[in-house]
C-alpha atoms as a PDB file:
ATOM      1  CA  MET A   1     -18.684 -17.273  14.349  1.00  0.00           C
ATOM      2  CA  ASN A   2     -18.266 -13.985  16.252  1.00  0.00           C
ATOM      3  CA  PHE A   3     -19.985 -10.636  16.014  1.00  0.00           C
ATOM      4  CA  PHE A   4     -18.149  -7.450  16.929  1.00  0.00           C
ATOM      5  CA  SER A   5     -19.626  -4.013  17.542  1.00  0.00           C
ATOM      6  CA  ILE A   6     -17.202  -1.142  17.077  1.00  0.00           C
ATOM      7  CA  ARG A   7     -17.592   2.497  18.006  1.00  0.00           C
ATOM      8  CA  HIS A   8     -14.843   4.918  17.028  1.00  0.00           C
ATOM      9  CA  LEU A   9     -15.097   8.542  18.124  1.00  0.00           C
ATOM     10  CA  THR A  10     -12.754  11.287  16.882  1.00  0.00           C
ATOM     11  CA  ARG A  11     -12.938  14.910  17.988  1.00  0.00           C
ATOM     12  CA  PHE A  12     -10.909  17.862  16.762  1.00  0.00           C
ATOM     13  CA  ARG A  13     -11.279  20.963  18.940  1.00  0.00           C
ATOM     14  CA  TYR A  14      -9.925  24.318  17.771  1.00  0.00           C
ATOM     15  CA  SER A  15      -8.803  27.263  19.909  1.00  0.00           C
ATOM     16  CA  HIS A  16     -10.226  29.666  17.297  1.00  0.00           C
ATOM     17  CA  PRO A  17     -13.028  29.069  14.801  1.00  0.00           C
ATOM     18  CA  ILE A  18     -12.029  27.611  11.437  1.00  0.00           C
ATOM     19  CA  THR A  19     -13.918  28.264   8.235  1.00  0.00           C
ATOM     20  CA  GLU A  20     -13.739  24.909   6.431  1.00  0.00           C
ATOM     21  CA  SER A  21     -12.851  21.253   7.022  1.00  0.00           C
ATOM     22  CA  ILE A  22     -12.206  18.674   4.292  1.00  0.00           C
ATOM     23  CA  MET A  23     -11.646  15.098   5.416  1.00  0.00           C
ATOM     24  CA  GLU A  24     -11.353  11.481   4.307  1.00  0.00           C
ATOM     25  CA  THR A  25     -12.000   8.609   6.718  1.00  0.00           C
ATOM     26  CA  ARG A  26     -11.143   4.906   6.483  1.00  0.00           C
ATOM     27  CA  MET A  27     -13.128   3.362   9.333  1.00  0.00           C
ATOM     28  CA  HIS A  28     -15.580   1.189   7.389  1.00  0.00           C
ATOM     29  CA  PRO A  29     -14.618  -2.480   8.037  1.00  0.00           C
ATOM     30  CA  ARG A  30     -13.791  -4.520   4.950  1.00  0.00           C
ATOM     31  CA  SER A  31     -15.900  -7.436   3.757  1.00  0.00           C
ATOM     32  CA  ASP A  32     -14.162 -10.526   2.406  1.00  0.00           C
ATOM     33  CA  SER A  33     -14.272 -14.306   2.643  1.00  0.00           C
ATOM     34  CA  SER A  34     -13.896 -14.391   6.443  1.00  0.00           C
ATOM     35  CA  GLN A  35     -15.163 -10.970   7.569  1.00  0.00           C
ATOM     36  CA  HIS A  36     -18.421  -9.279   6.671  1.00  0.00           C
ATOM     37  CA  CYS A  37     -19.508  -5.792   7.694  1.00  0.00           C
ATOM     38  CA  LEU A  38     -23.224  -6.054   8.510  1.00  0.00           C
ATOM     39  CA  THR A  39     -23.923  -2.393   9.327  1.00  0.00           C
ATOM     40  CA  TYR A  40     -21.947   0.820   9.216  1.00  0.00           C
ATOM     41  CA  SER A  41     -22.782   4.451   9.915  1.00  0.00           C
ATOM     42  CA  LEU A  42     -20.726   7.634  10.032  1.00  0.00           C
ATOM     43  CA  SER A  43     -22.005  10.627  11.994  1.00  0.00           C
ATOM     44  CA  VAL A  44     -20.358  14.022  11.559  1.00  0.00           C
ATOM     45  CA  SER A  45     -20.861  17.213  13.567  1.00  0.00           C
ATOM     46  CA  PRO A  46     -21.328  19.878  12.235  1.00  0.00           C
ATOM     47  CA  ARG A  47     -23.724  18.084   9.953  1.00  0.00           C
ATOM     48  CA  CYS A  48     -22.740  17.631   6.350  1.00  0.00           C
ATOM     49  CA  ARG A  49     -23.221  15.372   3.371  1.00  0.00           C
ATOM     50  CA  VAL A  50     -20.901  12.331   3.357  1.00  0.00           C
ATOM     51  CA  PHE A  51     -19.759  10.695   0.108  1.00  0.00           C
ATOM     52  CA  THR A  52     -18.330   7.196  -0.323  1.00  0.00           C
ATOM     53  CA  TYR A  53     -15.962   5.511  -2.748  1.00  0.00           C
ATOM     54  CA  ARG A  54     -13.561   2.567  -2.859  1.00  0.00           C
ATOM     55  CA  ASP A  55      -9.860   3.097  -3.395  1.00  0.00           C
ATOM     56  CA  HIS A  56      -7.669   0.854  -5.563  1.00  0.00           C
ATOM     57  CA  GLN A  57      -7.033  -1.506  -2.618  1.00  0.00           C
ATOM     58  CA  GLY A  58     -10.760  -2.076  -2.104  1.00  0.00           C
ATOM     59  CA  ASN A  59     -10.910   0.036   1.056  1.00  0.00           C
ATOM     60  CA  ASN A  60     -14.149   1.860   1.819  1.00  0.00           C
ATOM     61  CA  VAL A  61     -13.507   5.605   2.026  1.00  0.00           C
ATOM     62  CA  GLN A  62     -15.878   8.329   3.215  1.00  0.00           C
ATOM     63  CA  HIS A  63     -15.180  11.993   2.508  1.00  0.00           C
ATOM     64  CA  PHE A  64     -16.899  15.260   3.332  1.00  0.00           C
ATOM     65  CA  ASP A  65     -16.521  19.038   3.234  1.00  0.00           C
ATOM     66  CA  ILE A  66     -17.785  21.377   5.973  1.00  0.00           C
ATOM     67  CA  PRO A  67     -17.641  24.919   4.551  1.00  0.00           C
ATOM     68  CA  GLY A  68     -19.183  26.752   7.522  1.00  0.00           C
ATOM     69  CA  GLU A  69     -17.367  28.237  10.495  1.00  0.00           C
ATOM     70  CA  HIS A  70     -16.984  25.849  13.455  1.00  0.00           C
ATOM     71  CA  ASN A  71     -15.020  25.390  16.697  1.00  0.00           C
ATOM     72  CA  GLN A  72     -14.805  21.610  16.624  1.00  0.00           C
ATOM     73  CA  LEU A  73     -15.300  18.600  14.379  1.00  0.00           C
ATOM     74  CA  VAL A  74     -16.651  15.318  15.744  1.00  0.00           C
ATOM     75  CA  VAL A  75     -16.758  12.072  13.763  1.00  0.00           C
ATOM     76  CA  VAL A  76     -18.357   8.860  15.096  1.00  0.00           C
ATOM     77  CA  ALA A  77     -18.108   5.604  13.142  1.00  0.00           C
ATOM     78  CA  GLU A  78     -20.280   2.676  14.270  1.00  0.00           C
ATOM     79  CA  SER A  79     -20.247  -0.784  12.760  1.00  0.00           C
ATOM     80  CA  VAL A  80     -21.234  -4.397  13.336  1.00  0.00           C
ATOM     81  CA  VAL A  81     -18.944  -7.055  11.880  1.00  0.00           C
ATOM     82  CA  GLU A  82     -19.426 -10.804  11.503  1.00  0.00           C
ATOM     83  CA  GLN A  83     -16.307 -12.988  11.468  1.00  0.00           C
ATOM     84  CA  GLN A  84     -16.150 -16.590  10.340  1.00  0.00           C
ATOM     85  CA  ALA A  85     -13.884 -18.983  12.210  1.00  0.00           C
ATOM     86  CA  LEU A  86     -10.656 -19.592  10.310  1.00  0.00           C
ATOM     87  CA  PRO A  87      -8.522 -22.749  10.373  1.00  0.00           C
ATOM     88  CA  ASP A  88      -5.279 -22.613  12.307  1.00  0.00           C
ATOM     89  CA  ILE A  89      -2.185 -21.530  10.420  1.00  0.00           C
ATOM     90  CA  PRO A  90       0.411 -24.331  10.142  1.00  0.00           C
ATOM     91  CA  HIS A  91       3.881 -23.899  11.637  1.00  0.00           C
ATOM     92  CA  PHE A  92       5.745 -24.567   8.407  1.00  0.00           C
ATOM     93  CA  LEU A  93       5.298 -25.127   4.683  1.00  0.00           C
ATOM     94  CA  SER A  94       6.761 -27.563   2.176  1.00  0.00           C
ATOM     95  CA  PRO A  95      10.494 -27.464   1.301  1.00  0.00           C
ATOM     96  CA  ASP A  96       9.775 -25.821  -2.074  1.00  0.00           C
ATOM     97  CA  ALA A  97       7.796 -22.953  -0.515  1.00  0.00           C
ATOM     98  CA  TRP A  98      10.300 -20.232  -1.522  1.00  0.00           C
ATOM     99  CA  GLN A  99      10.046 -21.309  -5.150  1.00  0.00           C
ATOM    100  CA  ALA A 100       6.259 -21.459  -4.860  1.00  0.00           C
ATOM    101  CA  LEU A 101       6.235 -17.926  -3.431  1.00  0.00           C
ATOM    102  CA  ASP A 102       8.324 -16.563  -6.304  1.00  0.00           C
ATOM    103  CA  GLU A 103       6.015 -18.214  -8.812  1.00  0.00           C
ATOM    104  CA  LEU A 104       2.975 -16.773  -7.041  1.00  0.00           C
ATOM    105  CA  VAL A 105       4.494 -13.286  -7.135  1.00  0.00           C
ATOM    106  CA  SER A 106       5.453 -13.598 -10.802  1.00  0.00           C
ATOM    107  CA  LEU A 107       1.854 -14.414 -11.729  1.00  0.00           C
ATOM    108  CA  GLY A 108       0.237 -11.619  -9.708  1.00  0.00           C
ATOM    109  CA  ASP A 109       0.361  -7.854  -9.252  1.00  0.00           C
ATOM    110  CA  TYR A 110       2.183  -7.483  -5.944  1.00  0.00           C
ATOM    111  CA  TRP A 111       4.854  -4.918  -6.825  1.00  0.00           C
ATOM    112  CA  GLU A 112       3.349  -2.257  -4.510  1.00  0.00           C
ATOM    113  CA  MET A 113       3.832  -4.582  -1.545  1.00  0.00           C
ATOM    114  CA  LEU A 114       7.443  -5.376  -2.452  1.00  0.00           C
ATOM    115  CA  LEU A 115       8.871  -1.900  -3.076  1.00  0.00           C
ATOM    116  CA  PRO A 116       9.863   0.612  -0.354  1.00  0.00           C
ATOM    117  CA  SER A 117       7.067   2.970   0.674  1.00  0.00           C
ATOM    118  CA  GLN A 118       6.876   6.194   2.680  1.00  0.00           C
ATOM    119  CA  PHE A 119       7.320   4.576   6.115  1.00  0.00           C
ATOM    120  CA  ALA A 120       8.493   1.043   5.267  1.00  0.00           C
ATOM    121  CA  VAL A 121      11.927   1.791   3.854  1.00  0.00           C
ATOM    122  CA  GLU A 122      15.238  -0.084   3.832  1.00  0.00           C
ATOM    123  CA  THR A 123      17.551   2.122   5.893  1.00  0.00           C
ATOM    124  CA  PRO A 124      21.012   1.224   7.244  1.00  0.00           C
ATOM    125  CA  ALA A 125      19.413   0.654  10.664  1.00  0.00           C
ATOM    126  CA  LEU A 126      16.866  -1.694   9.079  1.00  0.00           C
ATOM    127  CA  VAL A 127      19.571  -3.656   7.258  1.00  0.00           C
ATOM    128  CA  LEU A 128      21.543  -4.001  10.505  1.00  0.00           C
ATOM    129  CA  LEU A 129      18.413  -5.230  12.290  1.00  0.00           C
ATOM    130  CA  ALA A 130      17.857  -7.770   9.493  1.00  0.00           C
ATOM    131  CA  GLU A 131      21.360  -9.111  10.084  1.00  0.00           C
ATOM    132  CA  GLN A 132      20.818  -9.291  13.853  1.00  0.00           C
ATOM    133  CA  MET A 133      17.544 -11.179  13.408  1.00  0.00           C
ATOM    134  CA  GLU A 134      18.882 -13.408  10.617  1.00  0.00           C
ATOM    135  CA  VAL A 135      16.219 -12.208   8.203  1.00  0.00           C
ATOM    136  CA  ARG A 136      17.281 -14.025   5.054  1.00  0.00           C
ATOM    137  CA  ARG A 137      15.778 -16.697   2.838  1.00  0.00           C
ATOM    138  CA  ARG A 138      16.072 -19.783   5.021  1.00  0.00           C
ATOM    139  CA  ASP A 139      13.788 -22.551   6.283  1.00  0.00           C
ATOM    140  CA  ASP A 140      10.505 -21.647   4.558  1.00  0.00           C
ATOM    141  CA  PRO A 141       8.617 -18.327   4.267  1.00  0.00           C
ATOM    142  CA  LEU A 142       6.040 -19.127   6.946  1.00  0.00           C
ATOM    143  CA  MET A 143       8.634 -20.256   9.488  1.00  0.00           C
ATOM    144  CA  LEU A 144      10.617 -17.064   8.854  1.00  0.00           C
ATOM    145  CA  VAL A 145       7.584 -14.807   9.270  1.00  0.00           C
ATOM    146  CA  ARG A 146       6.491 -16.581  12.444  1.00  0.00           C
ATOM    147  CA  GLU A 147       9.977 -16.236  13.899  1.00  0.00           C
ATOM    148  CA  LEU A 148      10.201 -12.573  12.913  1.00  0.00           C
ATOM    149  CA  ASN A 149       6.837 -11.871  14.550  1.00  0.00           C
ATOM    150  CA  GLN A 150       8.217 -13.275  17.826  1.00  0.00           C
ATOM    151  CA  ARG A 151      11.591 -11.546  17.543  1.00  0.00           C
ATOM    152  CA  LEU A 152      10.089  -8.111  16.948  1.00  0.00           C
ATOM    153  CA  PHE A 153       7.761  -8.651  19.908  1.00  0.00           C
ATOM    154  CA  ASP A 154      10.824  -9.373  22.063  1.00  0.00           C
ATOM    155  CA  TYR A 155      12.983  -6.635  20.544  1.00  0.00           C
ATOM    156  CA  PHE A 156      10.617  -3.688  20.973  1.00  0.00           C
ATOM    157  CA  VAL A 157       9.366  -2.284  24.253  1.00  0.00           C
ATOM    158  CA  TYR A 158       5.794  -1.142  23.819  1.00  0.00           C
ATOM    159  CA  VAL A 159       5.546   2.478  25.034  1.00  0.00           C
ATOM    160  CA  PRO A 160       2.433   4.474  24.056  1.00  0.00           C
ATOM    161  CA  ARG A 161       3.209   7.853  22.464  1.00  0.00           C
ATOM    162  CA  SER A 162       6.961   7.147  22.467  1.00  0.00           C
ATOM    163  CA  THR A 163       6.975   8.022  18.751  1.00  0.00           C
ATOM    164  CA  ARG A 164       4.957  10.373  16.561  1.00  0.00           C
ATOM    165  CA  VAL A 165       2.438   9.552  13.872  1.00  0.00           C
ATOM    166  CA  ASP A 166       5.017  10.486  11.215  1.00  0.00           C
ATOM    167  CA  SER A 167       8.106   8.976  12.890  1.00  0.00           C
ATOM    168  CA  PRO A 168      10.510   7.119  10.562  1.00  0.00           C
ATOM    169  CA  ILE A 169      11.179   3.479  11.456  1.00  0.00           C
ATOM    170  CA  ASP A 170      14.768   4.296  12.457  1.00  0.00           C
ATOM    171  CA  GLU A 171      13.470   6.156  15.507  1.00  0.00           C
ATOM    172  CA  ALA A 172      11.856   3.010  16.908  1.00  0.00           C
ATOM    173  CA  ILE A 173      14.615   0.649  15.728  1.00  0.00           C
ATOM    174  CA  VAL A 174      17.401   2.661  17.385  1.00  0.00           C
ATOM    175  CA  SER A 175      15.518   3.277  20.641  1.00  0.00           C
ATOM    176  CA  GLY A 176      13.862  -0.160  20.774  1.00  0.00           C
ATOM    177  CA  ARG A 177      10.613   1.554  21.789  1.00  0.00           C
ATOM    178  CA  GLY A 178       7.436   2.212  19.883  1.00  0.00           C
ATOM    179  CA  VAL A 179       3.788   1.440  19.206  1.00  0.00           C
ATOM    180  CA  CYS A 180       1.992  -0.898  16.821  1.00  0.00           C
ATOM    181  CA  GLN A 181       2.447   1.473  13.909  1.00  0.00           C
ATOM    182  CA  ASP A 182       6.254   1.285  14.326  1.00  0.00           C
ATOM    183  CA  PHE A 183       6.265  -2.487  14.794  1.00  0.00           C
ATOM    184  CA  ALA A 184       4.187  -2.986  11.644  1.00  0.00           C
ATOM    185  CA  HIS A 185       6.349  -0.695   9.495  1.00  0.00           C
ATOM    186  CA  THR A 186       9.524  -2.410  10.672  1.00  0.00           C
ATOM    187  CA  MET A 187       8.156  -5.892   9.985  1.00  0.00           C
ATOM    188  CA  ILE A 188       6.902  -4.883   6.537  1.00  0.00           C
ATOM    189  CA  ALA A 189      10.313  -3.477   5.583  1.00  0.00           C
ATOM    190  CA  LEU A 190      12.066  -6.638   6.819  1.00  0.00           C
ATOM    191  CA  LEU A 191       9.724  -8.916   4.863  1.00  0.00           C
ATOM    192  CA  ARG A 192      10.146  -6.902   1.685  1.00  0.00           C
ATOM    193  CA  HIS A 193      13.912  -7.145   2.271  1.00  0.00           C
ATOM    194  CA  VAL A 194      13.631 -10.883   1.466  1.00  0.00           C
ATOM    195  CA  ARG A 195      11.031 -10.410  -1.280  1.00  0.00           C
ATOM    196  CA  ILE A 196       7.968 -11.468   0.692  1.00  0.00           C
ATOM    197  CA  PRO A 197       5.038  -9.191  -0.279  1.00  0.00           C
ATOM    198  CA  ALA A 198       3.821  -7.465   2.874  1.00  0.00           C
ATOM    199  CA  ARG A 199       1.105  -4.908   3.517  1.00  0.00           C
ATOM    200  CA  TYR A 200      -0.061  -2.705   6.376  1.00  0.00           C
ATOM    201  CA  VAL A 201      -3.449  -3.413   7.972  1.00  0.00           C
ATOM    202  CA  SER A 202      -5.416  -0.788   9.868  1.00  0.00           C
ATOM    203  CA  GLY A 203      -8.256  -1.855  12.126  1.00  0.00           C
ATOM    204  CA  TYR A 204      -9.284  -2.821  15.626  1.00  0.00           C
ATOM    205  CA  LEU A 205      -8.348  -5.507  18.131  1.00  0.00           C
ATOM    206  CA  TYR A 206     -10.950  -6.987  20.452  1.00  0.00           C
ATOM    207  CA  ARG A 207      -9.675  -7.658  23.970  1.00  0.00           C
ATOM    208  CA  SER A 208     -11.543  -9.817  26.485  1.00  0.00           C
ATOM    209  CA  ARG A 209     -10.782 -10.076  30.189  1.00  0.00           C
ATOM    210  CA  GLU A 210      -8.687 -13.166  29.516  1.00  0.00           C
ATOM    211  CA  ASP A 211      -6.499 -11.454  26.903  1.00  0.00           C
ATOM    212  CA  HIS A 212      -3.352  -9.667  27.979  1.00  0.00           C
ATOM    213  CA  ASP A 213      -2.411  -7.707  24.867  1.00  0.00           C
ATOM    214  CA  ARG A 214       0.067  -4.929  25.427  1.00  0.00           C
ATOM    215  CA  SER A 215      -1.437  -2.625  22.785  1.00  0.00           C
ATOM    216  CA  THR A 216      -3.727   0.160  23.957  1.00  0.00           C
ATOM    217  CA  PRO A 217      -7.364  -1.076  24.051  1.00  0.00           C
ATOM    218  CA  ASP A 218      -9.082   2.266  23.388  1.00  0.00           C
ATOM    219  CA  ALA A 219      -7.292   3.089  20.122  1.00  0.00           C
ATOM    220  CA  THR A 220      -7.096   1.803  16.581  1.00  0.00           C
ATOM    221  CA  HIS A 221      -4.613  -0.990  15.916  1.00  0.00           C
ATOM    222  CA  ALA A 222      -2.221  -1.932  13.117  1.00  0.00           C
ATOM    223  CA  TRP A 223      -0.582  -5.171  12.038  1.00  0.00           C
ATOM    224  CA  VAL A 224       0.919  -6.880   8.983  1.00  0.00           C
ATOM    225  CA  GLU A 225      -0.263  -9.258   6.294  1.00  0.00           C
ATOM    226  CA  ALA A 226       2.286 -11.375   4.426  1.00  0.00           C
ATOM    227  CA  LEU A 227       1.590 -13.181   1.169  1.00  0.00           C
ATOM    228  CA  LEU A 228       2.399 -16.883   1.568  1.00  0.00           C
ATOM    229  CA  PRO A 229       2.080 -19.762  -0.909  1.00  0.00           C
ATOM    230  CA  HIS A 230      -0.997 -21.996  -0.440  1.00  0.00           C
ATOM    231  CA  LEU A 231      -2.282 -19.646   2.298  1.00  0.00           C
ATOM    232  CA  GLY A 232      -2.680 -16.247   0.638  1.00  0.00           C
ATOM    233  CA  TRP A 233      -2.562 -13.139   2.812  1.00  0.00           C
ATOM    234  CA  VAL A 234      -1.927 -14.082   6.461  1.00  0.00           C
ATOM    235  CA  GLY A 235      -2.063 -11.544   9.300  1.00  0.00           C
ATOM    236  CA  PHE A 236       0.701 -11.210  11.917  1.00  0.00           C
ATOM    237  CA  ASP A 237       0.607  -8.866  14.911  1.00  0.00           C
ATOM    238  CA  PRO A 238       4.179  -8.228  16.152  1.00  0.00           C
ATOM    239  CA  THR A 239       2.944  -5.867  18.871  1.00  0.00           C
ATOM    240  CA  ASN A 240       1.220  -8.745  20.667  1.00  0.00           C
ATOM    241  CA  ASN A 241       2.931 -11.754  19.014  1.00  0.00           C
ATOM    242  CA  LEU A 242      -0.338 -13.001  17.543  1.00  0.00           C
ATOM    243  CA  ILE A 243      -1.600 -14.543  14.334  1.00  0.00           C
ATOM    244  CA  ALA A 244      -4.200 -11.966  13.309  1.00  0.00           C
ATOM    245  CA  HIS A 245      -7.231 -14.051  12.446  1.00  0.00           C
ATOM    246  CA  ARG A 246      -9.465 -14.348  15.506  1.00  0.00           C
ATOM    247  CA  ARG A 247      -9.806 -10.978  17.263  1.00  0.00           C
ATOM    248  CA  HIS A 248      -8.546  -8.563  14.606  1.00  0.00           C
ATOM    249  CA  ILE A 249     -11.094  -6.513  12.625  1.00  0.00           C
ATOM    250  CA  ARG A 250      -9.714  -5.136   9.351  1.00  0.00           C
ATOM    251  CA  THR A 251     -10.768  -1.723   8.077  1.00  0.00           C
ATOM    252  CA  ALA A 252      -8.148  -0.947   5.418  1.00  0.00           C
ATOM    253  CA  VAL A 253      -4.972  -2.308   3.818  1.00  0.00           C
ATOM    254  CA  GLY A 254      -2.154  -0.459   2.068  1.00  0.00           C
ATOM    255  CA  ARG A 255       1.578  -0.139   1.589  1.00  0.00           C
ATOM    256  CA  ASP A 256       1.931   1.532   5.001  1.00  0.00           C
ATOM    257  CA  TYR A 257       0.144   3.964   7.314  1.00  0.00           C
ATOM    258  CA  ALA A 258       0.278   6.766   4.746  1.00  0.00           C
ATOM    259  CA  ASP A 259      -2.256   4.840   2.606  1.00  0.00           C
ATOM    260  CA  VAL A 260      -4.783   4.042   5.342  1.00  0.00           C
ATOM    261  CA  PRO A 261      -4.999   6.607   8.185  1.00  0.00           C
ATOM    262  CA  PRO A 262      -8.387   6.469   9.958  1.00  0.00           C
ATOM    263  CA  THR A 263      -8.780  10.218   9.332  1.00  0.00           C
ATOM    264  CA  HIS A 264      -6.900  12.472   6.960  1.00  0.00           C
ATOM    265  CA  GLY A 265      -7.851  16.045   6.204  1.00  0.00           C
ATOM    266  CA  ILE A 266      -7.138  19.734   6.037  1.00  0.00           C
ATOM    267  CA  TYR A 267      -8.793  22.801   7.514  1.00  0.00           C
ATOM    268  CA  ARG A 268      -8.867  26.486   6.644  1.00  0.00           C
ATOM    269  CA  GLY A 269      -7.908  28.748   9.525  1.00  0.00           C
ATOM    270  CA  LYS A 270      -5.137  29.774  11.896  1.00  0.00           C
ATOM    271  CA  THR A 271      -5.572  27.982  15.196  1.00  0.00           C
ATOM    272  CA  GLU A 272      -4.248  25.386  17.571  1.00  0.00           C
ATOM    273  CA  SER A 273      -6.111  22.067  17.583  1.00  0.00           C
ATOM    274  CA  GLU A 274      -6.644  19.280  20.075  1.00  0.00           C
ATOM    275  CA  LEU A 275      -7.291  15.675  19.024  1.00  0.00           C
ATOM    276  CA  TYR A 276      -9.312  13.242  21.127  1.00  0.00           C
ATOM    277  CA  VAL A 277      -9.899   9.606  20.102  1.00  0.00           C
ATOM    278  CA  ALA A 278     -11.886   6.839  21.795  1.00  0.00           C
ATOM    279  CA  VAL A 279     -12.497   3.304  20.510  1.00  0.00           C
ATOM    280  CA  GLN A 280     -14.748   0.609  21.921  1.00  0.00           C
ATOM    281  CA  VAL A 281     -14.958  -2.974  20.618  1.00  0.00           C
ATOM    282  CA  GLU A 282     -17.340  -5.590  22.023  1.00  0.00           C
ATOM    283  CA  ALA A 283     -17.915  -9.232  21.042  1.00  0.00           C
ATOM    284  CA  ASN A 284     -21.079 -11.323  21.085  1.00  0.00           C
ATOM    285  CA  GLU A 285     -22.283 -14.665  19.793  1.00  0.00           C
ATOM    286  CA  HIS A 286     -25.255 -12.888  18.205  1.00  0.00           C
ATOM    287  CA  PRO A 287     -25.489  -9.574  16.362  1.00  0.00           C
ATOM    288  CA  PRO A 288     -25.209  -6.917  19.085  1.00  0.00           C
ATOM    289  CA  ALA A 289     -27.010  -3.628  19.470  1.00  0.00           C
ATOM    290  CA  LEU A 290     -24.801  -0.602  19.007  1.00  0.00           C
ATOM    291  CA  ASP A 291     -23.420   0.583  22.325  1.00  0.00           C
ATOM    292  CA  ARG A 292     -24.157   4.184  23.227  1.00  0.00           C
ATOM    293  CA  LYS A 293     -22.124   4.252  26.453  1.00  0.00           C
ATOM    294  CA  LEU A 294     -18.846   5.486  25.021  1.00  0.00           C
ATOM    295  CA  PRO A 295     -17.980   8.903  26.515  1.00  0.00           C
ATOM    296  CA  ILE A 296     -19.189  11.730  24.326  1.00  0.00           C
ATOM    297  CA  PRO A 297     -17.595  15.201  24.485  1.00  0.00           C
ATOM    298  CA  GLU A 298     -19.711  17.509  26.572  1.00  0.00           C
ATOM    299  CA  ASP A 299     -20.373  19.799  23.595  1.00  0.00           C
ATOM    300  CA  TRP A 300     -21.334  17.022  21.180  1.00  0.00           C
ATOM    301  CA  SER A 301     -24.436  18.839  19.951  1.00  0.00           C
ATOM    302  CA  VAL A 302     -24.297  20.435  16.537  1.00  0.00           C
ATOM    303  CA  LEU A 303     -22.641  23.841  16.698  1.00  0.00           C
ATOM    304  CA  VAL A 304     -24.564  26.989  15.770  1.00  0.00           C
ATOM    305  CA  GLU A 305     -23.070  28.180  12.512  1.00  0.00           C
ATOM    306  CA  ARG A 306     -22.096  31.818  12.319  1.00  0.00           C
ATOM    307  CA  ALA A 307     -21.928  32.143   8.562  1.00  0.00           C
ATOM    308  CA  GLN A 308     -23.002  35.796   8.584  1.00  0.00           C
ATOM    309  CA  GLN A 309     -20.160  36.862  10.879  1.00  0.00           C
ATOM    310  CA  GLN A 310     -16.802  37.967   9.617  1.00  0.00           C
ATOM    311  CA  PRO A 311     -14.078  35.453  10.505  1.00  0.00           C
ATOM    312  CA  GLU A 312     -11.445  36.601  12.962  1.00  0.00           C
ATOM    313  CA  ILE A 313      -8.719  35.994  10.368  1.00  0.00           C
ATOM    314  CA  PRO A 314      -9.398  37.858   7.083  1.00  0.00           C
ATOM    315  CA  MET A 315      -7.284  35.505   4.955  1.00  0.00           C
ATOM    316  CA  PRO A 316      -7.324  32.037   6.558  1.00  0.00           C
ATOM    317  CA  ILE A 317      -4.473  29.649   5.883  1.00  0.00           C
ATOM    318  CA  ILE A 318      -4.805  25.939   5.070  1.00  0.00           C
ATOM    319  CA  ASP A 319      -3.324  23.447   7.529  1.00  0.00           C
ATOM    320  CA  LEU A 320      -3.368  19.686   8.004  1.00  0.00           C
ATOM    321  CA  GLN A 321      -5.591  18.026  10.571  1.00  0.00           C
ATOM    322  CA  GLN A 322      -3.804  16.107  13.305  1.00  0.00           C
ATOM    323  CA  MET A 323      -3.386  12.432  12.420  1.00  0.00           C
ATOM    324  CA  GLN A 324      -4.377   9.535  14.665  1.00  0.00           C
ATOM    325  CA  GLN A 325      -1.337   7.474  15.592  1.00  0.00           C
ATOM    326  CA  GLN A 326      -2.199   3.795  15.699  1.00  0.00           C
ATOM    327  CA  GLN A 327      -1.344   2.455  19.137  1.00  0.00           C
END
């Protein structure tokens, strides 16, 4: 059994004051048979009332509205998660595993994880990559997914910020460079190509001194879960060529990144914005105290609202907040 403490700081800084921010966050770790979120808190500056709901995938969503004028928005999510030890995943399944998978799919509601989605689409470049990697119904589903996890790890060069948060998968496939978000979208599209239900997982990856993951340690992480007969949803991390069931902390699942961004919002105003993100994950054998050592922006204190002043822009426009690319 392991306990993880997670601290996730997001700061939006604006060159000119904005008059309203509306945002959703998906940073609350999920609780299921192997992972349990013991504590969770979300702090927002400027202060506001935060509301919570669960979406149709069972993800915990917080949302808030800041109507006053402000120069920056800071969001800090803190959580403590308990993880149960999971048995090792076998290397292969029985010879009738493809038939068992089709029967499993026919009895359940998995159509969302089989159809193309906003980022996981079947393009000509994806089909060509499937041919190169021999992604077809052979061996058994687990052997194919394991092999694909390794092949994508070898195929892609991990280069932080080599793509954008909204980059199509073709950009990474053609260049052979990308980040975990690109690797996950490509793997999901390839699995759906052979009718294996696959979903996108947003969360965090704990890294000890002995681990040599190539993903960025101070950012959110993304990987893939494939539905397999007799095993259920199994996590695979093509960025680091890992089975995702020992150091991966799940916050949200969806068809692709578009369903589960850590932050998603709009603001009212005409300004340039700067996004700063910092993530810290620590592991302990016992429930840890929340760590307060993560760097805090120098102007973290709650801003003085200037509600009585006229805004600089008489008729503010509405624009999207910058999105956090998962590294």
